[in-house]
Amino acid sequence: MKCTYALTVSARCPVKPRVEDEYDFVIETDDYVPVEALLLFFEPFAHTAVYQEELTQKCLENFKEARAVCSTGEHSGVKTICEVKRE
């Protein structure tokens, strides 16, 4: 079974802590993941300073079902796309 989850999440910018960044995440899995588990994972980062790349990696590590995670964000006018895959 292949499942794809797409959601927008918020996190604090580590360079400018007063700025709330929004990231579009796409998570591809080999099995079902409860949506509530995804939301619960991302919730603390709305108040935590974290780099987009780090958050993308953490997502892959947290969900053993995930085979790929891609995040898209914008920082100082630069669109950033980060993708990690399970080997």
C-alpha atoms as a PDB file:
ATOM      1  CA  MET A   1       0.000   0.000   0.000  1.00  0.00           C
ATOM      2  CA  LYS A   2       1.265   3.470  -0.830  1.00  0.00           C
ATOM      3  CA  CYS A   3      -0.114   6.494   0.997  1.00  0.00           C
ATOM      4  CA  THR A   4       0.724  10.152   0.436  1.00  0.00           C
ATOM      5  CA  TYR A   5       0.001  12.814   3.027  1.00  0.00           C
ATOM      6  CA  ALA A   6       0.210  16.544   2.267  1.00  0.00           C
ATOM      7  CA  LEU A   7      -0.058  19.226   4.911  1.00  0.00           C
ATOM      8  CA  THR A   8       1.131  22.717   5.816  1.00  0.00           C
ATOM      9  CA  VAL A   9       2.971  23.085   9.112  1.00  0.00           C
ATOM     10  CA  SER A  10       4.389  25.997  11.082  1.00  0.00           C
ATOM     11  CA  ALA A  11       7.747  26.317  12.825  1.00  0.00           C
ATOM     12  CA  ARG A  12       9.778  29.137  14.326  1.00  0.00           C
ATOM     13  CA  CYS A  13      12.638  30.493  12.256  1.00  0.00           C
ATOM     14  CA  PRO A  14      15.947  29.781  14.051  1.00  0.00           C
ATOM     15  CA  VAL A  15      17.559  32.901  12.547  1.00  0.00           C
ATOM     16  CA  LYS A  16      14.637  35.244  13.280  1.00  0.00           C
ATOM     17  CA  PRO A  17      12.747  33.658  16.225  1.00  0.00           C
ATOM     18  CA  ARG A  18       9.832  36.091  15.960  1.00  0.00           C
ATOM     19  CA  VAL A  19       9.112  34.834  12.438  1.00  0.00           C
ATOM     20  CA  GLU A  20       6.813  31.869  11.951  1.00  0.00           C
ATOM     21  CA  ASP A  21       7.700  29.884   8.845  1.00  0.00           C
ATOM     22  CA  GLU A  22       5.205  27.740   6.962  1.00  0.00           C
ATOM     23  CA  TYR A  23       6.272  24.575   5.202  1.00  0.00           C
ATOM     24  CA  ASP A  24       4.354  22.387   2.800  1.00  0.00           C
ATOM     25  CA  PHE A  25       5.144  18.755   3.582  1.00  0.00           C
ATOM     26  CA  VAL A  26       4.514  15.694   1.438  1.00  0.00           C
ATOM     27  CA  ILE A  27       5.068  12.381   3.197  1.00  0.00           C
ATOM     28  CA  GLU A  28       5.050   9.121   1.232  1.00  0.00           C
ATOM     29  CA  THR A  29       4.563   5.940   3.226  1.00  0.00           C
ATOM     30  CA  ASP A  30       4.409   2.213   2.665  1.00  0.00           C
ATOM     31  CA  ASP A  31       1.614   1.864   5.196  1.00  0.00           C
ATOM     32  CA  TYR A  32      -1.217   3.772   6.832  1.00  0.00           C
ATOM     33  CA  VAL A  33      -0.281   6.553   9.302  1.00  0.00           C
ATOM     34  CA  PRO A  34      -3.068   8.079  11.395  1.00  0.00           C
ATOM     35  CA  VAL A  35      -3.475  11.731  10.465  1.00  0.00           C
ATOM     36  CA  GLU A  36      -3.661  12.547  14.153  1.00  0.00           C
ATOM     37  CA  ALA A  37      -0.146  11.134  14.594  1.00  0.00           C
ATOM     38  CA  LEU A  38       1.149  13.472  11.883  1.00  0.00           C
ATOM     39  CA  LEU A  39      -0.523  16.495  13.455  1.00  0.00           C
ATOM     40  CA  LEU A  40       0.732  15.552  16.922  1.00  0.00           C
ATOM     41  CA  PHE A  41       4.305  15.215  15.635  1.00  0.00           C
ATOM     42  CA  PHE A  42       4.352  18.671  14.019  1.00  0.00           C
ATOM     43  CA  GLU A  43       2.439  20.541  16.748  1.00  0.00           C
ATOM     44  CA  PRO A  44       5.408  21.313  19.077  1.00  0.00           C
ATOM     45  CA  PHE A  45       7.430  22.847  16.246  1.00  0.00           C
ATOM     46  CA  ALA A  46       5.016  25.776  15.958  1.00  0.00           C
ATOM     47  CA  HIS A  47       6.795  27.143  19.050  1.00  0.00           C
ATOM     48  CA  THR A  48      10.260  25.697  18.465  1.00  0.00           C
ATOM     49  CA  ALA A  49      13.075  27.171  16.400  1.00  0.00           C
ATOM     50  CA  VAL A  50      14.071  24.566  13.821  1.00  0.00           C
ATOM     51  CA  TYR A  51      15.605  24.594  10.354  1.00  0.00           C
ATOM     52  CA  GLN A  52      13.464  23.242   7.528  1.00  0.00           C
ATOM     53  CA  GLU A  53      16.083  20.643   6.638  1.00  0.00           C
ATOM     54  CA  GLU A  54      16.275  19.392  10.220  1.00  0.00           C
ATOM     55  CA  LEU A  55      12.502  19.154  10.530  1.00  0.00           C
ATOM     56  CA  THR A  56      12.286  17.204   7.271  1.00  0.00           C
ATOM     57  CA  GLN A  57      14.875  14.695   8.514  1.00  0.00           C
ATOM     58  CA  LYS A  58      13.164  14.384  11.909  1.00  0.00           C
ATOM     59  CA  CYS A  59       9.881  13.586  10.180  1.00  0.00           C
ATOM     60  CA  LEU A  60      11.436  10.712   8.223  1.00  0.00           C
ATOM     61  CA  GLU A  61      13.100   9.364  11.360  1.00  0.00           C
ATOM     62  CA  ASN A  62       9.911   9.629  13.434  1.00  0.00           C
ATOM     63  CA  PHE A  63       7.638   7.713  11.066  1.00  0.00           C
ATOM     64  CA  LYS A  64       9.036   4.251  10.350  1.00  0.00           C
ATOM     65  CA  GLU A  65       6.376   3.859   7.626  1.00  0.00           C
ATOM     66  CA  ALA A  66       7.724   6.879   5.719  1.00  0.00           C
ATOM     67  CA  ARG A  67       9.820   6.155   2.669  1.00  0.00           C
ATOM     68  CA  ALA A  68      10.200   9.785   1.555  1.00  0.00           C
ATOM     69  CA  VAL A  69       9.542  13.244   2.984  1.00  0.00           C
ATOM     70  CA  CYS A  70       9.627  16.468   0.997  1.00  0.00           C
ATOM     71  CA  SER A  71       9.196  19.968   2.412  1.00  0.00           C
ATOM     72  CA  THR A  72       8.871  23.261   0.589  1.00  0.00           C
ATOM     73  CA  GLY A  73       9.364  26.636   2.236  1.00  0.00           C
ATOM     74  CA  GLU A  74      10.484  30.170   1.525  1.00  0.00           C
ATOM     75  CA  HIS A  75      13.281  31.958   3.342  1.00  0.00           C
ATOM     76  CA  SER A  76      14.140  35.576   2.552  1.00  0.00           C
ATOM     77  CA  GLY A  77      12.556  35.210  -0.883  1.00  0.00           C
ATOM     78  CA  VAL A  78      14.345  31.935  -1.688  1.00  0.00           C
ATOM     79  CA  LYS A  79      12.144  28.904  -2.287  1.00  0.00           C
ATOM     80  CA  THR A  80      13.710  25.901  -0.548  1.00  0.00           C
ATOM     81  CA  ILE A  81      12.808  22.305  -1.346  1.00  0.00           C
ATOM     82  CA  CYS A  82      14.212  19.608   0.916  1.00  0.00           C
ATOM     83  CA  GLU A  83      13.740  15.893   0.274  1.00  0.00           C
ATOM     84  CA  VAL A  84      14.941  12.886   2.233  1.00  0.00           C
ATOM     85  CA  LYS A  85      14.410   9.233   1.382  1.00  0.00           C
ATOM     86  CA  ARG A  86      14.830   6.038   3.279  1.00  0.00           C
ATOM     87  CA  GLU A  87      17.666   3.937   1.924  1.00  0.00           C
END
